[in-house]
Structures are given as structure tokens and as C-alpha cells.
Amino acid sequence: MNKHLHPDDRYLVDASTQFRDYILMPYRPAASSIGKLHSQSLFFHVLRALDCSSLIQPICRRLQEVLGTDQTVWGLKYGPQGWSIEWYFYNFLENNAENLSQATRISDALRDIIQIPGDVPESIPYFMCSFEIVARQAQAGIAQPWRIYTRTGDKHRKESGFSYRVERDLIMENHYWFYTAKNREDLADVIYRLQNSFRAGDRRYHKILLPKQLRPCHTICYAVKPLSDGLYFSRIHTDQVIWFFKHHWKHELGKVFEHNREEFEHLRWDLGIDFCAPTPTTRARINKFGIYGVL
């Protein structure tokens, strides 16, 4: 992956840019931003490196036409199957009739570009939906089934939710909780979650999963999935992303951040990892990472 961004991938921040995190909530830029790179610059740079821009770019442009700019969250994820691309659509009124981001409406808007499997029951009050494409399948125009995300109703303890894959039945995939990183009790709860998860493995290595360098963030999300647990760090700085790739996961994407550090320094990123230990007494392996921005 080339660390130099192609001129066509240099999307600049302007006065209309809305800075939003991976749950589409606004944040204040970490530095002066006008004339610097928009987060979608990274997204399209990776697509170019993966040679799948011909399918993905039209999807993105259509989404921007239908929903507007800075309204769609993108995720770039790398794991055992290689790269995948996921788009997330939020509706905090829980899918009322006026929701422009209903899965059915988005499927209809993209129908001439890509088919997204899954007959989403729009009567369910989901607050988010998403669909994913594995990069190596992109040229075939194959998307994975829709996912929908619902609340747990546990409003008195922690903000939390479930995600479901939409097939013939709704298949539960994920249960997750959000913790405020600067709250000591919340951070202690994240630590306790690790200590009580057999997937986190030997406690001597938990600092690898929850490093002190990533704890200064907005929220930490703990997720329980079918084959792994996950941790998501929201609104981290570019220097924290660089640290992650330099010390935590050696990947060429880190060089892109390093080379373009000054043009990315105003952005706050959302970073996730999946992990699982072979046994409860062994070291957990990080088997997947994801990084998120907006279109």
C-alpha cells in the first residue's frame, strides 16, 4: 500500500464539513482543519490499493446523493479473510416512518449498483443498519446480508445494544456495551469485563488488549460476538492510531497515517479490535482490526 495519497483521493475539509464519530455524533476537531484532509481520503486511498474502487465509489456517491455528506459511517476492517468494507446508517428515532436511512430504502437506492441480501422487517425499531462487502468479492458485486441494531432497554445502567444478521430469520451476532473512558468506574468495568472473559486469556496480557495509550478516548465499547470479543476506542487522535500500528499491529496502513500525519491531525478516529485466546490460560490473539470515518 502506497503511503502517498493519489491526487484524486485528497478530499479536503471545508466550512460545510460535519465532524462525526462512528455513531454519527459530532466532535470538535483536534486541530485546525480547513484545507486539511477529510476522513474519506483514507477510505478511498485504501479502496484504490485494494483495486475495488470501480464498485465501491459508485455506492458511496449514490449514498451521498441520497443521504447527504457526512451522514454515512464507513468502516475498513482487516482480518483472516482480508479486507472488508462496511457502511453504517443511523436513525436515533428508531426507524420511524420518516427515516431516510431505512435498509429497504437504501437497498432500493443502490439496486442498480449492488444487491444486498436480507428482507429487513421495517416494523422493528432498529436505530442502525449496515451492510458489508468483502474486498476480494467486490468485483462480483456480492454484498453480505443486512445487519440491524437494536437497543437492549437497559437504560439505567449502560447504553448497550444487539446486532442481528438478516437472513430467513434474524441471527444474533453481537451484544455490546458503551463505557465513558474518563469515568473511573466505567473504565474499571471494562477491566472487569476482560478479567471475566475467557476469550481475553491470561490476565498478564490484558494490557495488550486495553493499552494505556488508547484509554484516553471518548468511549470504550466492549462487544461479545460469536467467535471473539471486541474492544472499540472512539475519537482517538491520529498519533494514537500511529502508535497502534507501530506497537500493536504491524500493518502497512500505519505508514499511511505516519506519512500524512499533519493532514490527519485534526481528525478523531474510531478503532476496533477483535480478540480470542486459544484457552483461558494463554495469551489472547488480536485477529482483526477496524478503523472508521464518515462519507
C-alpha atoms as a PDB file:
ATOM      1  CA  MET A   1       0.000   0.000   0.000  1.00  0.00           C
ATOM      2  CA  ASN A   2       1.488   3.308  -1.108  1.00  0.00           C
ATOM      3  CA  LYS A   3       1.886   5.809   1.733  1.00  0.00           C
ATOM      4  CA  HIS A   4       1.366   8.694  -0.724  1.00  0.00           C
ATOM      5  CA  LEU A   5      -2.260   9.566  -1.399  1.00  0.00           C
ATOM      6  CA  HIS A   6      -3.311   9.754  -5.027  1.00  0.00           C
ATOM      7  CA  PRO A   7      -4.370  13.308  -6.012  1.00  0.00           C
ATOM      8  CA  ASP A   8      -7.904  12.035  -6.752  1.00  0.00           C
ATOM      9  CA  ASP A   9      -8.192  10.724  -3.176  1.00  0.00           C
ATOM     10  CA  ARG A  10      -7.398  14.023  -1.493  1.00  0.00           C
ATOM     11  CA  TYR A  11     -10.790  15.186  -0.228  1.00  0.00           C
ATOM     12  CA  LEU A  12     -10.441  18.399   1.745  1.00  0.00           C
ATOM     13  CA  VAL A  13     -12.320  19.710   4.747  1.00  0.00           C
ATOM     14  CA  ASP A  14     -14.317  22.865   4.070  1.00  0.00           C
ATOM     15  CA  ALA A  15     -16.670  25.100   6.029  1.00  0.00           C
ATOM     16  CA  SER A  16     -19.590  22.691   5.494  1.00  0.00           C
ATOM     17  CA  THR A  17     -17.807  19.593   6.857  1.00  0.00           C
ATOM     18  CA  GLN A  18     -19.511  17.949   9.827  1.00  0.00           C
ATOM     19  CA  PHE A  19     -17.085  16.103  12.097  1.00  0.00           C
ATOM     20  CA  ARG A  20     -18.747  12.948  13.383  1.00  0.00           C
ATOM     21  CA  ASP A  21     -17.631   9.741  15.054  1.00  0.00           C
ATOM     22  CA  TYR A  22     -18.660   6.165  14.334  1.00  0.00           C
ATOM     23  CA  ILE A  23     -22.050   6.552  15.969  1.00  0.00           C
ATOM     24  CA  LEU A  24     -22.567   9.718  13.927  1.00  0.00           C
ATOM     25  CA  MET A  25     -22.238  12.006  16.942  1.00  0.00           C
ATOM     26  CA  PRO A  26     -20.460  15.374  16.435  1.00  0.00           C
ATOM     27  CA  TYR A  27     -16.997  16.061  17.826  1.00  0.00           C
ATOM     28  CA  ARG A  28     -14.684  19.041  17.899  1.00  0.00           C
ATOM     29  CA  PRO A  29     -11.636  18.713  15.598  1.00  0.00           C
ATOM     30  CA  ALA A  30      -8.366  18.111  17.427  1.00  0.00           C
ATOM     31  CA  ALA A  31      -6.596  20.879  15.461  1.00  0.00           C
ATOM     32  CA  SER A  32      -7.223  23.483  12.793  1.00  0.00           C
ATOM     33  CA  SER A  33      -8.983  21.687   9.956  1.00  0.00           C
ATOM     34  CA  ILE A  34      -9.763  23.929   6.965  1.00  0.00           C
ATOM     35  CA  GLY A  35      -7.837  22.788   3.912  1.00  0.00           C
ATOM     36  CA  LYS A  36      -6.740  19.509   5.526  1.00  0.00           C
ATOM     37  CA  LEU A  37      -7.893  16.025   4.590  1.00  0.00           C
ATOM     38  CA  HIS A  38     -11.379  14.667   5.157  1.00  0.00           C
ATOM     39  CA  SER A  39     -11.517  11.155   6.661  1.00  0.00           C
ATOM     40  CA  GLN A  40     -12.912   9.779   3.402  1.00  0.00           C
ATOM     41  CA  SER A  41      -9.470  10.430   1.877  1.00  0.00           C
ATOM     42  CA  LEU A  42      -8.150   7.437   3.816  1.00  0.00           C
ATOM     43  CA  PHE A  43     -11.145   5.352   2.796  1.00  0.00           C
ATOM     44  CA  PHE A  44     -10.737   5.948  -0.920  1.00  0.00           C
ATOM     45  CA  HIS A  45      -6.953   5.539  -0.686  1.00  0.00           C
ATOM     46  CA  VAL A  46      -7.390   2.015   0.701  1.00  0.00           C
ATOM     47  CA  LEU A  47     -10.021   1.191  -1.922  1.00  0.00           C
ATOM     48  CA  ARG A  48      -7.550   2.193  -4.634  1.00  0.00           C
ATOM     49  CA  ALA A  49      -4.895  -0.051  -3.091  1.00  0.00           C
ATOM     50  CA  LEU A  50      -7.393  -2.940  -2.997  1.00  0.00           C
ATOM     51  CA  ASP A  51      -8.339  -2.339  -6.660  1.00  0.00           C
ATOM     52  CA  CYS A  52     -12.046  -2.272  -5.841  1.00  0.00           C
ATOM     53  CA  SER A  53     -12.836   1.396  -6.422  1.00  0.00           C
ATOM     54  CA  SER A  54     -14.883   0.683  -9.550  1.00  0.00           C
ATOM     55  CA  LEU A  55     -17.699  -0.859  -7.492  1.00  0.00           C
ATOM     56  CA  ILE A  56     -17.289   0.910  -4.169  1.00  0.00           C
ATOM     57  CA  GLN A  57     -17.031   4.501  -5.386  1.00  0.00           C
ATOM     58  CA  PRO A  58     -20.437   4.447  -7.140  1.00  0.00           C
ATOM     59  CA  ILE A  59     -22.005   3.069  -3.950  1.00  0.00           C
ATOM     60  CA  CYS A  60     -20.507   5.915  -1.926  1.00  0.00           C
ATOM     61  CA  ARG A  61     -21.538   8.587  -4.398  1.00  0.00           C
ATOM     62  CA  ARG A  62     -25.101   7.287  -4.512  1.00  0.00           C
ATOM     63  CA  LEU A  63     -25.273   7.259  -0.699  1.00  0.00           C
ATOM     64  CA  GLN A  64     -24.080  10.856  -0.597  1.00  0.00           C
ATOM     65  CA  GLU A  65     -26.686  11.828  -3.186  1.00  0.00           C
ATOM     66  CA  VAL A  66     -29.495  10.170  -1.228  1.00  0.00           C
ATOM     67  CA  LEU A  67     -28.467  10.927   2.368  1.00  0.00           C
ATOM     68  CA  GLY A  68     -26.149  13.916   2.022  1.00  0.00           C
ATOM     69  CA  THR A  69     -22.493  14.299   3.002  1.00  0.00           C
ATOM     70  CA  ASP A  70     -21.117  13.322   6.400  1.00  0.00           C
ATOM     71  CA  GLN A  71     -24.219  11.179   7.002  1.00  0.00           C
ATOM     72  CA  THR A  72     -22.811   7.686   6.401  1.00  0.00           C
ATOM     73  CA  VAL A  73     -20.213   5.920   8.529  1.00  0.00           C
ATOM     74  CA  TRP A  74     -17.646   3.789   6.725  1.00  0.00           C
ATOM     75  CA  GLY A  75     -15.574   1.004   8.238  1.00  0.00           C
ATOM     76  CA  LEU A  76     -12.408  -0.562   6.860  1.00  0.00           C
ATOM     77  CA  LYS A  77     -11.774  -3.919   8.512  1.00  0.00           C
ATOM     78  CA  TYR A  78      -8.888  -6.333   8.168  1.00  0.00           C
ATOM     79  CA  GLY A  79      -8.954  -9.911   9.448  1.00  0.00           C
ATOM     80  CA  PRO A  80      -8.493 -13.565   8.465  1.00  0.00           C
ATOM     81  CA  GLN A  81     -10.491 -13.080   5.240  1.00  0.00           C
ATOM     82  CA  GLY A  82      -8.540  -9.965   4.305  1.00  0.00           C
ATOM     83  CA  TRP A  83     -10.154  -6.563   3.886  1.00  0.00           C
ATOM     84  CA  SER A  84     -13.853  -5.796   4.062  1.00  0.00           C
ATOM     85  CA  ILE A  85     -15.833  -2.572   3.728  1.00  0.00           C
ATOM     86  CA  GLU A  86     -18.936  -1.795   5.758  1.00  0.00           C
ATOM     87  CA  TRP A  87     -21.376   1.128   5.683  1.00  0.00           C
ATOM     88  CA  TYR A  88     -23.450   2.095   8.730  1.00  0.00           C
ATOM     89  CA  PHE A  89     -26.672   4.129   8.706  1.00  0.00           C
ATOM     90  CA  TYR A  90     -28.146   5.703  11.830  1.00  0.00           C
ATOM     91  CA  ASN A  91     -31.638   6.666  12.845  1.00  0.00           C
ATOM     92  CA  PHE A  92     -31.898   7.582  16.505  1.00  0.00           C
ATOM     93  CA  LEU A  93     -35.709   7.804  16.339  1.00  0.00           C
ATOM     94  CA  GLU A  94     -35.637   4.010  15.985  1.00  0.00           C
ATOM     95  CA  ASN A  95     -36.746   3.637  12.407  1.00  0.00           C
ATOM     96  CA  ASN A  96     -39.872   5.736  12.303  1.00  0.00           C
ATOM     97  CA  ALA A  97     -41.699   6.195   9.006  1.00  0.00           C
ATOM     98  CA  GLU A  98     -39.695   9.310   8.110  1.00  0.00           C
ATOM     99  CA  ASN A  99     -36.332   7.569   8.366  1.00  0.00           C
ATOM    100  CA  LEU A 100     -34.375   8.139   5.142  1.00  0.00           C
ATOM    101  CA  SER A 101     -31.819   5.539   6.271  1.00  0.00           C
ATOM    102  CA  GLN A 102     -34.163   2.573   6.331  1.00  0.00           C
ATOM    103  CA  ALA A 103     -32.466  -0.520   4.963  1.00  0.00           C
ATOM    104  CA  THR A 104     -35.255  -1.046   2.422  1.00  0.00           C
ATOM    105  CA  ARG A 105     -34.892   2.486   1.059  1.00  0.00           C
ATOM    106  CA  ILE A 106     -31.127   2.169   0.803  1.00  0.00           C
ATOM    107  CA  SER A 107     -31.452  -1.200  -0.962  1.00  0.00           C
ATOM    108  CA  ASP A 108     -33.792   0.419  -3.483  1.00  0.00           C
ATOM    109  CA  ALA A 109     -31.419   3.357  -3.995  1.00  0.00           C
ATOM    110  CA  LEU A 110     -28.491   1.021  -4.700  1.00  0.00           C
ATOM    111  CA  ARG A 111     -30.366  -1.649  -6.640  1.00  0.00           C
ATOM    112  CA  ASP A 112     -28.782  -0.801 -10.000  1.00  0.00           C
ATOM    113  CA  ILE A 113     -25.285  -0.991  -8.445  1.00  0.00           C
ATOM    114  CA  ILE A 114     -25.398  -3.843  -5.956  1.00  0.00           C
ATOM    115  CA  GLN A 115     -27.826  -6.322  -4.462  1.00  0.00           C
ATOM    116  CA  ILE A 116     -27.923  -6.516  -0.660  1.00  0.00           C
ATOM    117  CA  PRO A 117     -29.481  -9.755   0.644  1.00  0.00           C
ATOM    118  CA  GLY A 118     -31.947  -9.746   3.506  1.00  0.00           C
ATOM    119  CA  ASP A 119     -35.604  -8.798   3.718  1.00  0.00           C
ATOM    120  CA  VAL A 120     -35.453  -6.321   6.594  1.00  0.00           C
ATOM    121  CA  PRO A 121     -38.617  -6.200   8.727  1.00  0.00           C
ATOM    122  CA  GLU A 122     -39.106  -2.446   8.879  1.00  0.00           C
ATOM    123  CA  SER A 123     -41.569  -2.719  11.760  1.00  0.00           C
ATOM    124  CA  ILE A 124     -38.636  -3.445  14.099  1.00  0.00           C
ATOM    125  CA  PRO A 125     -37.463  -0.260  15.893  1.00  0.00           C
ATOM    126  CA  TYR A 126     -33.789  -0.536  14.963  1.00  0.00           C
ATOM    127  CA  PHE A 127     -31.585   2.526  15.384  1.00  0.00           C
ATOM    128  CA  MET A 128     -28.874   1.488  12.922  1.00  0.00           C
ATOM    129  CA  CYS A 129     -28.408  -0.797   9.951  1.00  0.00           C
ATOM    130  CA  SER A 130     -25.342  -1.780   7.931  1.00  0.00           C
ATOM    131  CA  PHE A 131     -24.113  -3.911   5.073  1.00  0.00           C
ATOM    132  CA  GLU A 132     -20.655  -5.230   4.254  1.00  0.00           C
ATOM    133  CA  ILE A 133     -18.644  -6.265   1.203  1.00  0.00           C
ATOM    134  CA  VAL A 134     -15.567  -8.461   1.373  1.00  0.00           C
ATOM    135  CA  ALA A 135     -12.991  -6.727  -0.819  1.00  0.00           C
ATOM    136  CA  ARG A 136     -11.962  -9.854  -2.724  1.00  0.00           C
ATOM    137  CA  GLN A 137     -15.615 -10.339  -3.756  1.00  0.00           C
ATOM    138  CA  ALA A 138     -16.189  -6.722  -4.702  1.00  0.00           C
ATOM    139  CA  GLN A 139     -15.856  -7.168  -8.459  1.00  0.00           C
ATOM    140  CA  ALA A 140     -18.609  -9.779  -8.342  1.00  0.00           C
ATOM    141  CA  GLY A 141     -20.924  -7.253  -6.705  1.00  0.00           C
ATOM    142  CA  ILE A 142     -21.700  -9.542  -3.790  1.00  0.00           C
ATOM    143  CA  ALA A 143     -22.781  -7.940  -0.531  1.00  0.00           C
ATOM    144  CA  GLN A 144     -23.307  -9.733   2.759  1.00  0.00           C
ATOM    145  CA  PRO A 145     -26.810  -9.652   4.293  1.00  0.00           C
ATOM    146  CA  TRP A 146     -28.138  -6.594   6.052  1.00  0.00           C
ATOM    147  CA  ARG A 147     -27.473  -6.165   9.751  1.00  0.00           C
ATOM    148  CA  ILE A 148     -29.805  -4.274  12.062  1.00  0.00           C
ATOM    149  CA  TYR A 149     -29.009  -2.944  15.525  1.00  0.00           C
ATOM    150  CA  THR A 150     -31.489  -2.633  18.399  1.00  0.00           C
ATOM    151  CA  ARG A 151     -31.347  -1.344  21.943  1.00  0.00           C
ATOM    152  CA  THR A 152     -31.423  -3.625  24.998  1.00  0.00           C
ATOM    153  CA  GLY A 153     -33.670  -1.398  27.080  1.00  0.00           C
ATOM    154  CA  ASP A 154     -31.069  -1.290  29.873  1.00  0.00           C
ATOM    155  CA  LYS A 155     -31.135   2.499  30.189  1.00  0.00           C
ATOM    156  CA  HIS A 156     -30.439   2.655  33.911  1.00  0.00           C
ATOM    157  CA  ARG A 157     -27.023   1.009  33.731  1.00  0.00           C
ATOM    158  CA  LYS A 158     -25.197   1.359  30.408  1.00  0.00           C
ATOM    159  CA  GLU A 159     -26.015   2.217  26.824  1.00  0.00           C
ATOM    160  CA  SER A 160     -25.966  -1.157  25.104  1.00  0.00           C
ATOM    161  CA  GLY A 161     -27.403  -2.979  22.135  1.00  0.00           C
ATOM    162  CA  PHE A 162     -27.710  -6.082  19.987  1.00  0.00           C
ATOM    163  CA  SER A 163     -26.964  -6.645  16.324  1.00  0.00           C
ATOM    164  CA  TYR A 164     -28.679  -9.180  14.069  1.00  0.00           C
ATOM    165  CA  ARG A 165     -27.866 -10.542  10.618  1.00  0.00           C
ATOM    166  CA  VAL A 166     -30.960 -10.531   8.435  1.00  0.00           C
ATOM    167  CA  GLU A 167     -31.407 -13.902   6.773  1.00  0.00           C
ATOM    168  CA  ARG A 168     -34.521 -16.101   6.754  1.00  0.00           C
ATOM    169  CA  ASP A 169     -34.515 -15.489  10.493  1.00  0.00           C
ATOM    170  CA  LEU A 170     -32.761 -12.744  12.448  1.00  0.00           C
ATOM    171  CA  ILE A 171     -29.453 -14.208  13.624  1.00  0.00           C
ATOM    172  CA  MET A 172     -27.985 -12.500  16.681  1.00  0.00           C
ATOM    173  CA  GLU A 173     -24.322 -11.591  16.099  1.00  0.00           C
ATOM    174  CA  ASN A 174     -23.257  -9.103  18.734  1.00  0.00           C
ATOM    175  CA  HIS A 175     -24.047  -7.763  22.211  1.00  0.00           C
ATOM    176  CA  TYR A 176     -22.171  -4.613  23.133  1.00  0.00           C
ATOM    177  CA  TRP A 177     -21.871  -2.011  25.894  1.00  0.00           C
ATOM    178  CA  PHE A 178     -20.517   1.538  25.855  1.00  0.00           C
ATOM    179  CA  TYR A 179     -18.375   2.914  28.691  1.00  0.00           C
ATOM    180  CA  THR A 180     -17.230   6.513  29.195  1.00  0.00           C
ATOM    181  CA  ALA A 181     -13.443   6.267  29.119  1.00  0.00           C
ATOM    182  CA  LYS A 182     -12.697   9.138  31.522  1.00  0.00           C
ATOM    183  CA  ASN A 183     -15.099   7.778  34.156  1.00  0.00           C
ATOM    184  CA  ARG A 184     -13.066   5.681  36.592  1.00  0.00           C
ATOM    185  CA  GLU A 185     -15.950   3.373  37.422  1.00  0.00           C
ATOM    186  CA  ASP A 186     -16.677   2.795  33.752  1.00  0.00           C
ATOM    187  CA  LEU A 187     -13.040   2.042  32.996  1.00  0.00           C
ATOM    188  CA  ALA A 188     -12.968  -0.355  35.951  1.00  0.00           C
ATOM    189  CA  ASP A 189     -15.984  -2.130  34.447  1.00  0.00           C
ATOM    190  CA  VAL A 190     -14.142  -2.612  31.138  1.00  0.00           C
ATOM    191  CA  ILE A 191     -11.220  -4.113  33.055  1.00  0.00           C
ATOM    192  CA  TYR A 192     -13.605  -6.418  34.931  1.00  0.00           C
ATOM    193  CA  ARG A 193     -15.155  -7.485  31.653  1.00  0.00           C
ATOM    194  CA  LEU A 194     -11.732  -8.546  30.413  1.00  0.00           C
ATOM    195  CA  GLN A 195     -10.944 -10.341  33.658  1.00  0.00           C
ATOM    196  CA  ASN A 196     -14.156 -12.336  33.418  1.00  0.00           C
ATOM    197  CA  SER A 197     -13.926 -13.192  29.725  1.00  0.00           C
ATOM    198  CA  PHE A 198     -12.269 -16.495  28.872  1.00  0.00           C
ATOM    199  CA  ARG A 199     -11.623 -15.014  25.428  1.00  0.00           C
ATOM    200  CA  ALA A 200      -9.301 -12.423  26.966  1.00  0.00           C
ATOM    201  CA  GLY A 201      -6.991 -15.225  28.101  1.00  0.00           C
ATOM    202  CA  ASP A 202      -4.190 -14.842  30.641  1.00  0.00           C
ATOM    203  CA  ARG A 203      -4.580 -11.647  32.677  1.00  0.00           C
ATOM    204  CA  ARG A 204      -0.865 -10.899  32.354  1.00  0.00           C
ATOM    205  CA  TYR A 205      -1.510  -9.906  28.742  1.00  0.00           C
ATOM    206  CA  HIS A 206      -4.690  -7.836  29.190  1.00  0.00           C
ATOM    207  CA  LYS A 207      -2.682  -4.626  28.885  1.00  0.00           C
ATOM    208  CA  ILE A 208      -2.140  -5.575  25.245  1.00  0.00           C
ATOM    209  CA  LEU A 209      -5.913  -5.551  24.684  1.00  0.00           C
ATOM    210  CA  LEU A 210      -6.545  -2.410  26.729  1.00  0.00           C
ATOM    211  CA  PRO A 211      -3.298  -0.434  26.405  1.00  0.00           C
ATOM    212  CA  LYS A 212      -2.886   2.761  28.376  1.00  0.00           C
ATOM    213  CA  GLN A 213      -2.054   4.583  25.119  1.00  0.00           C
ATOM    214  CA  LEU A 214      -5.622   4.050  23.807  1.00  0.00           C
ATOM    215  CA  ARG A 215      -7.530   4.667  27.035  1.00  0.00           C
ATOM    216  CA  PRO A 216      -7.592   8.473  26.558  1.00  0.00           C
ATOM    217  CA  CYS A 217     -10.624   8.409  24.264  1.00  0.00           C
ATOM    218  CA  HIS A 218     -14.315   9.259  24.376  1.00  0.00           C
ATOM    219  CA  THR A 219     -15.911   5.850  24.877  1.00  0.00           C
ATOM    220  CA  ILE A 220     -14.742   2.255  25.056  1.00  0.00           C
ATOM    221  CA  CYS A 221     -17.182  -0.278  23.671  1.00  0.00           C
ATOM    222  CA  TYR A 222     -16.998  -3.907  24.775  1.00  0.00           C
ATOM    223  CA  ALA A 223     -18.597  -6.400  22.376  1.00  0.00           C
ATOM    224  CA  VAL A 224     -19.333 -10.120  22.662  1.00  0.00           C
ATOM    225  CA  LYS A 225     -19.514 -11.858  19.276  1.00  0.00           C
ATOM    226  CA  PRO A 226     -19.968 -15.473  18.141  1.00  0.00           C
ATOM    227  CA  LEU A 227     -16.235 -16.247  17.823  1.00  0.00           C
ATOM    228  CA  SER A 228     -14.470 -13.403  19.613  1.00  0.00           C
ATOM    229  CA  ASP A 229     -14.799 -10.427  21.918  1.00  0.00           C
ATOM    230  CA  GLY A 230     -14.121  -6.897  20.740  1.00  0.00           C
ATOM    231  CA  LEU A 231     -12.986  -3.526  22.045  1.00  0.00           C
ATOM    232  CA  TYR A 232     -13.668  -0.231  20.275  1.00  0.00           C
ATOM    233  CA  PHE A 233     -11.949   3.034  21.157  1.00  0.00           C
ATOM    234  CA  SER A 234     -13.802   6.124  19.927  1.00  0.00           C
ATOM    235  CA  ARG A 235     -12.447   9.557  18.979  1.00  0.00           C
ATOM    236  CA  ILE A 236      -8.759   8.726  19.344  1.00  0.00           C
ATOM    237  CA  HIS A 237      -6.152  11.069  17.887  1.00  0.00           C
ATOM    238  CA  THR A 238      -4.062  10.374  14.803  1.00  0.00           C
ATOM    239  CA  ASP A 239      -0.963   9.890  16.991  1.00  0.00           C
ATOM    240  CA  GLN A 240      -2.795   7.152  18.898  1.00  0.00           C
ATOM    241  CA  VAL A 241      -3.608   5.411  15.616  1.00  0.00           C
ATOM    242  CA  ILE A 242       0.046   5.651  14.621  1.00  0.00           C
ATOM    243  CA  TRP A 243       1.046   4.151  17.982  1.00  0.00           C
ATOM    244  CA  PHE A 244      -1.398   1.275  17.470  1.00  0.00           C
ATOM    245  CA  PHE A 245       0.049   0.303  14.113  1.00  0.00           C
ATOM    246  CA  LYS A 246       3.638   0.758  15.241  1.00  0.00           C
ATOM    247  CA  HIS A 247       3.464  -1.155  18.531  1.00  0.00           C
ATOM    248  CA  HIS A 248       0.244  -3.156  18.485  1.00  0.00           C
ATOM    249  CA  TRP A 249      -0.335  -4.440  14.962  1.00  0.00           C
ATOM    250  CA  LYS A 250       2.343  -4.170  12.284  1.00  0.00           C
ATOM    251  CA  HIS A 251       0.452  -3.212   9.159  1.00  0.00           C
ATOM    252  CA  GLU A 252       1.285  -1.061   6.163  1.00  0.00           C
ATOM    253  CA  LEU A 253      -1.745   1.145   6.859  1.00  0.00           C
ATOM    254  CA  GLY A 254       0.262   2.631   9.726  1.00  0.00           C
ATOM    255  CA  LYS A 255       2.708   4.123   7.210  1.00  0.00           C
ATOM    256  CA  VAL A 256      -0.172   5.961   5.527  1.00  0.00           C
ATOM    257  CA  PHE A 257      -1.057   7.622   8.824  1.00  0.00           C
ATOM    258  CA  GLU A 258       2.575   8.434   9.599  1.00  0.00           C
ATOM    259  CA  HIS A 259       3.267   9.982   6.212  1.00  0.00           C
ATOM    260  CA  ASN A 260       0.075  12.063   6.254  1.00  0.00           C
ATOM    261  CA  ARG A 261       0.106  12.827   9.978  1.00  0.00           C
ATOM    262  CA  GLU A 262      -0.107  16.612   9.702  1.00  0.00           C
ATOM    263  CA  GLU A 263      -3.012  16.453   7.253  1.00  0.00           C
ATOM    264  CA  PHE A 264      -4.855  13.964   9.501  1.00  0.00           C
ATOM    265  CA  GLU A 265      -4.020  15.562  12.862  1.00  0.00           C
ATOM    266  CA  HIS A 266      -7.368  17.373  13.181  1.00  0.00           C
ATOM    267  CA  LEU A 267      -9.368  14.147  12.841  1.00  0.00           C
ATOM    268  CA  ARG A 268     -10.529  11.832  15.580  1.00  0.00           C
ATOM    269  CA  TRP A 269     -10.741   8.200  14.587  1.00  0.00           C
ATOM    270  CA  ASP A 270     -12.620   5.167  15.871  1.00  0.00           C
ATOM    271  CA  LEU A 271     -10.590   1.970  16.160  1.00  0.00           C
ATOM    272  CA  GLY A 272     -11.734  -1.555  16.964  1.00  0.00           C
ATOM    273  CA  ILE A 273     -10.056  -4.896  17.630  1.00  0.00           C
ATOM    274  CA  ASP A 274     -11.394  -8.448  17.862  1.00  0.00           C
ATOM    275  CA  PHE A 275      -9.562 -10.936  20.060  1.00  0.00           C
ATOM    276  CA  CYS A 276      -9.765 -14.502  21.322  1.00  0.00           C
ATOM    277  CA  ALA A 277      -7.459 -16.719  23.378  1.00  0.00           C
ATOM    278  CA  PRO A 278      -6.935 -20.383  22.382  1.00  0.00           C
ATOM    279  CA  THR A 279      -7.522 -21.269  26.063  1.00  0.00           C
ATOM    280  CA  PRO A 280      -8.346 -19.160  29.140  1.00  0.00           C
ATOM    281  CA  THR A 281      -4.749 -19.509  30.354  1.00  0.00           C
ATOM    282  CA  THR A 282      -2.999 -18.459  27.130  1.00  0.00           C
ATOM    283  CA  ARG A 283      -2.374 -15.082  25.550  1.00  0.00           C
ATOM    284  CA  ALA A 284      -5.279 -13.639  23.569  1.00  0.00           C
ATOM    285  CA  ARG A 285      -4.682 -13.096  19.884  1.00  0.00           C
ATOM    286  CA  ILE A 286      -5.855  -9.973  18.125  1.00  0.00           C
ATOM    287  CA  ASN A 287      -7.264 -11.359  14.885  1.00  0.00           C
ATOM    288  CA  LYS A 288      -8.973  -8.326  13.382  1.00  0.00           C
ATOM    289  CA  PHE A 289      -8.917  -4.545  13.406  1.00  0.00           C
ATOM    290  CA  GLY A 290     -11.243  -1.909  12.037  1.00  0.00           C
ATOM    291  CA  ILE A 291     -10.994   1.820  11.541  1.00  0.00           C
ATOM    292  CA  TYR A 292     -13.957   4.117  10.942  1.00  0.00           C
ATOM    293  CA  GLY A 293     -14.799   7.518   9.458  1.00  0.00           C
ATOM    294  CA  VAL A 294     -17.606   9.248   7.568  1.00  0.00           C
ATOM    295  CA  LEU A 295     -18.598   9.978   3.983  1.00  0.00           C
END
